Amino acid sequence: MRAADARSGAARDIDLEALAAWLAGRGEQVTGPLTARRVGLGQSNLTYRIDDARGGSSWVLRRPPHGSLLPTAHDIAREHRILAALAGTQVPVPAVVGLRGEAGVDQLVMEYVDGAVLDSVEIARALPLPVRAGVGPSLARTLAAIHAVDLERTGLHDLASHRPYAERQLKRWSRQWEQSRTRDLPSLDRLTELLRRRVPARHTLCLVHGDLHVRNVICSPSTGAVRAALDWELSTLGDPMADLGTLLAYWPEPGEVPAARPALGVTALPGFTRRDTLIATYAEASGREVGPELGFWHVLAVWKIAIIGEGVLRRARDEPRNAAEGGPPSTAYIDHMVDQAWVLAGHYGLGL
C-alpha cells in the first residue's frame, strides 16, 4: 500500500518491538528492527507503513485517531471484520494479517500493496493519459463488485441495520455535525432540511463501501486498474446508489476544484474520464438501472463530505497529532463543499 510514501511522520505511538514479535507470531518474516511512518492524506483513522529494512518486508497498520472520539466512529475491529470477510471475493482488498491491541487501542495490520495512490496533483500528472483514463472505469467496476457481494455467504448480513438507508444516513451525520461542529453554518442546516424532504424510495440493500474514491484505492501505474480498495471504516449495508453518489462527489471536473484543497482535484486533469462515463460504466458492470434518485445521493454525499471535514477540523484542533500532512480542512473548504451541494441540488431539481 503506497500512499504518498515520501510524505510522512514518525509513529511514536506504536511499540515496534512488540509489533515485530506479534508479526513473527503470525508467521510473517521479520528479520530486523521495524520502522513506521504515517502515510496518506486520510485524517480519520490513522494509517502507517511498517517496514523491515533488513528483510525487505512491509505492512500497513491502521488505528483510530487520538483523543476523545464520537460513539460508533473509527471502529477498527469492524473494518477488520469487513476486510476478512471480503477475502476470496471479486472485491480487490489487501490481505489481512490480523487485529491486535496496544494500550487499549485496536490496530489493524494488513499486507502492503504496491501501486499508485492519486492523492496529489504531482502523482496524477506523472501518469500517462491512457493510465489516467483507466482509473475511473475501474473504480466504477469495483463499486459494482462490492454491491454484488453475497451478504449471507460472507457473513455480512448482520453488519448493520436493514432499515431505510437514507434516513439512517441523515440521522447519523446530522448527529455527527451537532457533536463536532466548530461554528454555526445555516446554509448546511438548510441543506439538511432539504435532503430530509427529498428522500427517495428505497430500491435495494447491499454492502456499500461508503467512501470509495480515487484517494482510497491503490491503482496499477501501468493501466490505472484498482489493485486494492482501502479505508472501509464507513462501510455498511445500504443503497448502492449512495456509493455511486459518493464516487461522483469525490470526482471533480474542470472548474470544480476547491481552491482551498487543490490536491482533491486530480480528476479534473486531462485524461481522466467525466462523471457520465463513471455512471455508464457502473450501470453496465452492475446491471442496475441508474435513475433520477442518483441526484439525491450525489448531493447527500457532498453534504456528508462537508460534515466529515468539520469533524476532522475539530479533532485536529483538539489533538494536533491527528492532522495529516497539509493540515486539516479549512472552514473555506467546508463552506465550498456546502455551496457545491446547493449548486448540485439546483442542477438535479431538488430545490424546487
Protein backbone atom coordinates (compact mmCIF):
# COMPACT_ATOMS: atom_id res chain seq x y z
CA MET A 1 0.00 0.00 0.00
CA ARG A 2 1.71 3.17 -1.12
CA ALA A 3 0.08 6.46 -0.22
CA ALA A 4 2.43 9.39 -0.58
CA ASP A 5 5.34 7.48 0.93
CA ALA A 6 7.67 10.47 0.67
CA ARG A 7 5.38 12.46 2.95
CA SER A 8 5.05 11.07 6.42
CA GLY A 9 5.62 11.43 10.10
CA ALA A 10 7.31 9.12 12.57
CA ALA A 11 4.94 6.88 14.52
CA ARG A 12 5.78 7.49 18.15
CA ASP A 13 2.64 5.80 19.42
CA ILE A 14 3.41 2.27 18.13
CA ASP A 15 5.54 -0.18 20.12
CA LEU A 16 7.58 -1.51 17.20
CA GLU A 17 9.34 -4.22 19.19
CA ALA A 18 6.01 -5.62 20.36
CA LEU A 19 4.64 -5.33 16.84
CA ALA A 20 7.62 -7.25 15.44
CA ALA A 21 7.05 -10.06 17.91
CA TRP A 22 3.34 -10.13 17.07
CA LEU A 23 4.05 -10.26 13.33
CA ALA A 24 6.52 -13.10 13.79
CA GLY A 25 3.89 -14.94 15.84
CA ARG A 26 1.51 -14.63 12.89
CA GLY A 27 4.05 -16.28 10.58
CA GLU A 28 5.31 -13.07 8.97
CA GLN A 29 9.00 -12.81 8.04
CA VAL A 30 10.60 -10.24 10.36
CA THR A 31 14.41 -10.19 10.31
CA GLY A 32 15.34 -6.73 11.59
CA PRO A 33 14.05 -3.75 13.55
CA LEU A 34 10.90 -2.16 12.21
CA THR A 35 10.30 1.43 11.24
CA ALA A 36 6.93 3.16 10.94
CA ARG A 37 5.77 6.32 9.27
CA ARG A 38 2.42 7.98 8.71
CA VAL A 39 1.23 7.79 5.11
CA GLY A 40 -1.60 9.23 3.09
CA LEU A 41 -3.81 12.27 3.47
CA GLY A 42 -6.51 10.50 5.48
CA GLN A 43 -7.29 12.23 8.74
CA SER A 44 -9.86 9.89 10.22
CA ASN A 45 -8.34 6.52 11.12
CA LEU A 46 -4.55 6.91 11.05
CA THR A 47 -2.52 4.84 8.58
CA TYR A 48 1.16 3.86 8.91
CA ARG A 49 3.54 1.98 6.66
CA ILE A 50 5.65 -0.52 8.62
CA ASP A 51 8.96 -1.55 7.10
CA ASP A 52 11.51 -4.23 7.93
CA ALA A 53 14.52 -2.65 6.26
CA ARG A 54 16.74 -5.69 6.70
CA GLY A 55 14.23 -8.25 5.38
CA GLY A 56 12.60 -6.04 2.77
CA SER A 57 9.08 -6.74 4.06
CA SER A 58 6.36 -4.12 4.52
CA TRP A 59 2.93 -3.97 6.11
CA VAL A 60 0.26 -1.36 6.78
CA LEU A 61 -1.19 -0.58 10.20
CA ARG A 62 -4.38 1.38 10.88
CA ARG A 63 -5.54 2.71 14.24
CA PRO A 64 -8.15 5.22 15.48
CA PRO A 65 -7.24 8.88 15.90
CA HIS A 66 -6.04 10.22 19.22
CA GLY A 67 -8.20 11.91 21.81
CA SER A 68 -11.93 11.78 22.53
CA LEU A 69 -13.89 10.09 19.74
CA LEU A 70 -17.55 10.15 18.79
CA PRO A 71 -19.55 7.00 19.62
CA THR A 72 -19.51 4.28 16.89
CA ALA A 73 -16.86 6.18 14.90
CA HIS A 74 -13.40 4.85 13.92
CA ASP A 75 -14.24 1.19 14.65
CA ILE A 76 -11.08 -0.65 13.60
CA ALA A 77 -12.40 -4.05 14.67
CA ARG A 78 -15.37 -3.58 12.34
CA GLU A 79 -13.05 -2.66 9.48
CA HIS A 80 -11.07 -5.84 10.20
CA ARG A 81 -14.24 -7.91 10.02
CA ILE A 82 -15.20 -6.49 6.63
CA LEU A 83 -11.78 -6.96 5.05
CA ALA A 84 -11.51 -10.53 6.35
CA ALA A 85 -14.99 -11.33 5.00
CA LEU A 86 -14.12 -10.00 1.55
CA ALA A 87 -11.09 -12.26 1.12
CA GLY A 88 -11.78 -14.55 -1.83
CA THR A 89 -14.49 -12.36 -3.35
CA GLN A 90 -14.18 -10.30 -6.54
CA VAL A 91 -13.56 -7.16 -4.49
CA PRO A 92 -9.85 -6.16 -4.54
CA VAL A 93 -8.74 -5.75 -0.93
CA PRO A 94 -5.43 -6.13 0.94
CA ALA A 95 -4.89 -9.44 2.73
CA VAL A 96 -5.44 -9.10 6.47
CA VAL A 97 -2.64 -10.13 8.84
CA GLY A 98 -4.75 -9.63 11.94
CA LEU A 99 -6.17 -7.38 14.64
CA ARG A 100 -4.08 -6.52 17.67
CA GLY A 101 -4.47 -4.29 20.69
CA GLU A 102 -1.96 -1.90 22.19
CA ALA A 103 -2.65 0.25 25.23
CA GLY A 104 -6.36 -0.41 24.80
CA VAL A 105 -6.37 0.67 21.14
CA ASP A 106 -7.21 -1.67 18.26
CA GLN A 107 -4.71 -1.87 15.41
CA LEU A 108 -5.49 -3.47 12.07
CA VAL A 109 -2.45 -4.92 10.27
CA MET A 110 -2.61 -5.89 6.61
CA GLU A 111 -0.39 -6.58 3.66
CA TYR A 112 1.34 -3.78 1.80
CA VAL A 113 0.01 -3.45 -1.75
CA ASP A 114 2.31 -1.64 -4.15
CA GLY A 115 0.88 0.80 -6.64
CA ALA A 116 -0.18 4.41 -7.09
CA VAL A 117 -2.44 6.36 -4.75
CA LEU A 118 -3.57 9.51 -6.52
CA ASP A 119 -3.58 11.82 -3.51
CA SER A 120 -1.62 14.65 -5.11
CA VAL A 121 -1.65 16.52 -8.39
CA GLU A 122 2.04 15.63 -8.87
CA ILE A 123 1.38 11.89 -8.70
CA ALA A 124 -1.57 12.13 -11.08
CA ARG A 125 0.35 14.26 -13.60
CA ALA A 126 3.11 11.64 -13.69
CA LEU A 127 0.67 9.08 -15.12
CA PRO A 128 0.35 8.80 -18.91
CA LEU A 129 -3.02 9.86 -20.32
CA PRO A 130 -4.16 6.27 -21.11
CA VAL A 131 -3.48 5.27 -17.49
CA ARG A 132 -5.48 8.23 -16.20
CA ALA A 133 -8.34 7.17 -18.46
CA GLY A 134 -8.39 3.70 -16.90
CA VAL A 135 -8.80 4.82 -13.29
CA GLY A 136 -12.43 5.96 -13.32
CA PRO A 137 -13.94 2.98 -15.14
CA SER A 138 -12.02 0.59 -12.87
CA LEU A 139 -13.37 2.41 -9.80
CA ALA A 140 -16.90 2.08 -11.16
CA ARG A 141 -16.40 -1.64 -11.78
CA THR A 142 -15.00 -2.02 -8.26
CA LEU A 143 -18.19 -0.47 -6.90
CA ALA A 144 -20.22 -2.96 -8.90
CA ALA A 145 -18.17 -5.83 -7.41
CA ILE A 146 -18.77 -4.52 -3.87
CA HIS A 147 -22.52 -4.31 -4.48
CA ALA A 148 -22.56 -7.87 -5.82
CA VAL A 149 -21.13 -9.35 -2.60
CA ASP A 150 -23.27 -12.17 -1.21
CA LEU A 151 -24.13 -10.98 2.30
CA GLU A 152 -25.12 -14.41 3.60
CA ARG A 153 -22.08 -16.23 2.21
CA THR A 154 -19.63 -13.65 3.58
CA GLY A 155 -21.37 -13.38 6.96
CA LEU A 156 -22.01 -9.66 6.49
CA HIS A 157 -25.81 -9.85 6.52
CA ASP A 158 -25.85 -8.51 10.09
CA LEU A 159 -23.18 -5.84 9.59
CA ALA A 160 -25.71 -3.03 10.02
CA SER A 161 -29.40 -2.23 10.23
CA HIS A 162 -31.65 -3.15 7.32
CA ARG A 163 -33.81 -0.07 7.87
CA PRO A 164 -34.04 2.52 5.02
CA TYR A 165 -30.54 3.82 4.38
CA ALA A 166 -31.25 7.45 3.52
CA GLU A 167 -32.99 8.09 6.83
CA ARG A 168 -30.17 6.32 8.68
CA GLN A 169 -27.55 8.46 6.94
CA LEU A 170 -29.37 11.73 7.61
CA LYS A 171 -29.81 10.85 11.26
CA ARG A 172 -26.23 9.72 11.78
CA TRP A 173 -24.48 12.58 10.02
CA SER A 174 -26.79 15.24 11.45
CA ARG A 175 -25.79 13.94 14.87
CA GLN A 176 -22.11 13.98 13.86
CA TRP A 177 -22.47 17.61 12.79
CA GLU A 178 -24.02 18.63 16.09
CA GLN A 179 -21.33 16.84 18.08
CA SER A 180 -18.32 18.08 16.11
CA ARG A 181 -19.27 21.49 14.68
CA THR A 182 -16.87 24.34 15.39
CA ARG A 183 -19.34 27.09 14.40
CA ASP A 184 -22.82 27.82 13.14
CA LEU A 185 -23.38 27.19 9.42
CA PRO A 186 -27.01 27.99 8.50
CA SER A 187 -26.52 27.03 4.83
CA LEU A 188 -25.67 23.47 5.90
CA ASP A 189 -28.65 23.33 8.25
CA ARG A 190 -30.98 24.40 5.40
CA LEU A 191 -29.42 21.76 3.15
CA THR A 192 -30.10 19.12 5.80
CA GLU A 193 -33.78 20.05 5.83
CA LEU A 194 -33.92 19.95 2.02
CA LEU A 195 -32.45 16.44 1.97
CA ARG A 196 -34.96 15.26 4.57
CA ARG A 197 -37.79 16.42 2.31
CA ARG A 198 -36.32 14.74 -0.76
CA VAL A 199 -35.58 11.21 0.48
CA PRO A 200 -36.11 8.79 -2.45
CA ALA A 201 -37.91 5.47 -2.30
CA ARG A 202 -35.77 2.54 -1.22
CA HIS A 203 -34.80 0.16 -4.01
CA THR A 204 -32.37 -2.43 -2.67
CA LEU A 205 -29.96 -3.21 0.15
CA CYS A 206 -26.38 -4.39 -0.35
CA LEU A 207 -22.87 -3.95 1.00
CA VAL A 208 -21.70 -0.39 0.41
CA HIS A 209 -18.17 0.91 0.89
CA GLY A 210 -19.31 4.34 1.98
CA ASP A 211 -16.14 6.19 1.00
CA LEU A 212 -14.82 4.82 -2.29
CA HIS A 213 -12.94 7.45 -4.28
CA VAL A 214 -9.66 8.00 -6.08
CA ARG A 215 -7.61 8.55 -2.89
CA ASN A 216 -8.94 5.43 -1.19
CA VAL A 217 -7.74 2.92 -3.77
CA ILE A 218 -4.37 1.67 -4.98
CA CYS A 219 -4.12 1.66 -8.75
CA SER A 220 -1.81 0.00 -11.23
CA PRO A 221 0.65 2.64 -12.50
CA SER A 222 0.61 0.95 -15.92
CA THR A 223 -3.15 0.53 -16.50
CA GLY A 224 -4.99 2.53 -13.83
CA ALA A 225 -6.84 -0.62 -12.68
CA VAL A 226 -7.76 -0.79 -9.00
CA ARG A 227 -5.48 -3.19 -7.13
CA ALA A 228 -6.94 -2.64 -3.65
CA ALA A 229 -9.87 -0.74 -2.16
CA LEU A 230 -8.95 0.80 1.20
CA ASP A 231 -10.47 2.59 4.20
CA TRP A 232 -13.60 0.54 4.96
CA GLU A 233 -14.50 2.30 8.21
CA LEU A 234 -17.72 3.77 6.74
CA SER A 235 -18.82 0.53 5.08
CA THR A 236 -22.33 -0.61 5.94
CA LEU A 237 -25.48 -2.06 4.40
CA GLY A 238 -27.28 0.44 2.24
CA ASP A 239 -28.44 1.64 -1.15
CA PRO A 240 -25.92 1.08 -3.97
CA MET A 241 -26.80 4.50 -5.44
CA ALA A 242 -25.35 6.05 -2.27
CA ASP A 243 -21.93 4.63 -3.15
CA LEU A 244 -22.18 5.86 -6.72
CA GLY A 245 -23.17 9.29 -5.43
CA THR A 246 -20.11 9.32 -3.19
CA LEU A 247 -17.83 8.42 -6.10
CA LEU A 248 -19.30 11.33 -8.09
CA ALA A 249 -18.93 13.71 -5.15
CA TYR A 250 -15.21 12.98 -4.93
CA TRP A 251 -14.73 13.24 -8.71
CA PRO A 252 -14.48 16.96 -9.54
CA GLU A 253 -14.46 18.02 -13.17
CA PRO A 254 -12.66 21.05 -14.64
CA GLY A 255 -13.79 24.25 -12.90
CA GLU A 256 -14.95 22.46 -9.74
CA VAL A 257 -11.67 22.07 -7.84
CA PRO A 258 -11.81 23.71 -4.39
CA ALA A 259 -9.11 26.38 -4.18
CA ALA A 260 -8.56 25.53 -0.52
CA ARG A 261 -7.74 21.84 -1.29
CA PRO A 262 -6.13 21.57 -4.77
CA ALA A 263 -4.90 18.03 -4.03
CA LEU A 264 -8.52 16.88 -4.16
CA GLY A 265 -8.85 17.90 -7.79
CA VAL A 266 -6.71 15.35 -9.62
CA THR A 267 -9.66 14.01 -11.63
CA ALA A 268 -10.06 17.43 -13.27
CA LEU A 269 -6.72 16.91 -15.04
CA PRO A 270 -6.68 15.98 -18.75
CA GLY A 271 -7.17 12.29 -19.43
CA PHE A 272 -9.48 11.43 -16.55
CA THR A 273 -12.97 10.40 -17.60
CA ARG A 274 -16.01 12.51 -16.80
CA ARG A 275 -18.71 11.59 -14.33
CA ASP A 276 -21.16 10.46 -17.01
CA THR A 277 -18.64 7.78 -18.02
CA LEU A 278 -18.46 6.57 -14.42
CA ILE A 279 -22.24 6.28 -14.32
CA ALA A 280 -22.44 4.41 -17.64
CA THR A 281 -19.63 2.03 -16.68
CA TYR A 282 -21.23 1.26 -13.32
CA ALA A 283 -24.62 0.61 -14.93
CA GLU A 284 -23.09 -1.80 -17.43
CA ALA A 285 -20.93 -3.63 -14.86
CA SER A 286 -23.67 -3.91 -12.22
CA GLY A 287 -26.69 -4.44 -14.45
CA ARG A 288 -28.52 -1.85 -12.33
CA GLU A 289 -30.66 0.93 -13.70
CA VAL A 290 -29.37 4.34 -12.62
CA GLY A 291 -32.39 6.58 -12.13
CA PRO A 292 -33.05 10.19 -11.08
CA GLU A 293 -32.64 9.31 -7.41
CA LEU A 294 -28.88 9.41 -8.01
CA GLY A 295 -29.15 13.21 -7.76
CA PHE A 296 -30.25 12.95 -4.12
CA TRP A 297 -27.35 10.66 -3.30
CA HIS A 298 -24.83 12.90 -5.07
CA VAL A 299 -25.98 15.94 -3.07
CA LEU A 300 -26.10 13.96 0.18
CA ALA A 301 -22.53 12.77 -0.39
CA VAL A 302 -21.25 16.33 -0.81
CA TRP A 303 -23.20 17.35 2.32
CA LYS A 304 -21.56 14.46 4.16
CA ILE A 305 -18.07 15.46 2.95
CA ALA A 306 -18.61 18.91 4.49
CA ILE A 307 -19.63 17.33 7.81
CA ILE A 308 -16.67 14.94 7.75
CA GLY A 309 -14.38 17.90 7.06
CA GLU A 310 -15.76 19.75 10.06
CA GLY A 311 -15.17 16.67 12.24
CA VAL A 312 -11.57 16.37 11.03
CA LEU A 313 -11.04 20.06 11.77
CA ARG A 314 -12.46 19.63 15.26
CA ARG A 315 -10.27 16.59 16.03
CA ALA A 316 -7.14 18.36 14.79
CA ARG A 317 -7.89 21.37 16.96
CA ASP A 318 -8.49 19.14 19.98
CA GLU A 319 -5.45 16.91 19.32
CA PRO A 320 -2.83 18.14 16.79
CA ARG A 321 -1.35 14.63 16.38
CA ASN A 322 -4.45 13.69 14.35
CA ALA A 323 -3.68 16.09 11.49
CA ALA A 324 -2.13 14.64 8.34
CA GLU A 325 0.46 16.50 6.29
CA GLY A 326 -1.03 19.68 4.90
CA GLY A 327 -3.23 20.13 7.95
CA PRO A 328 -6.97 19.63 8.39
CA PRO A 329 -9.61 21.05 6.06
CA SER A 330 -10.16 24.79 6.40
CA THR A 331 -13.52 26.40 7.03
CA ALA A 332 -13.22 27.84 3.50
CA TYR A 333 -13.06 24.31 2.05
CA ILE A 334 -16.04 23.16 4.12
CA ASP A 335 -18.03 26.20 3.04
CA HIS A 336 -17.08 25.47 -0.58
CA MET A 337 -18.48 21.94 -0.32
CA VAL A 338 -21.77 23.22 1.12
CA ASP A 339 -22.02 25.75 -1.71
CA GLN A 340 -21.27 22.99 -4.25
CA ALA A 341 -24.03 20.84 -2.74
CA TRP A 342 -26.51 23.68 -3.26
CA VAL A 343 -25.41 24.07 -6.88
CA LEU A 344 -25.93 20.34 -7.44
CA ALA A 345 -29.32 20.46 -5.72
CA GLY A 346 -30.36 23.09 -8.24
CA HIS A 347 -28.92 21.07 -11.13
CA TYR A 348 -30.92 17.99 -10.12
CA GLY A 349 -34.07 19.98 -9.35
CA LEU A 350 -34.07 19.03 -5.67
CA GLY A 351 -34.59 22.60 -4.53
CA LEU A 352 -37.84 23.07 -6.45
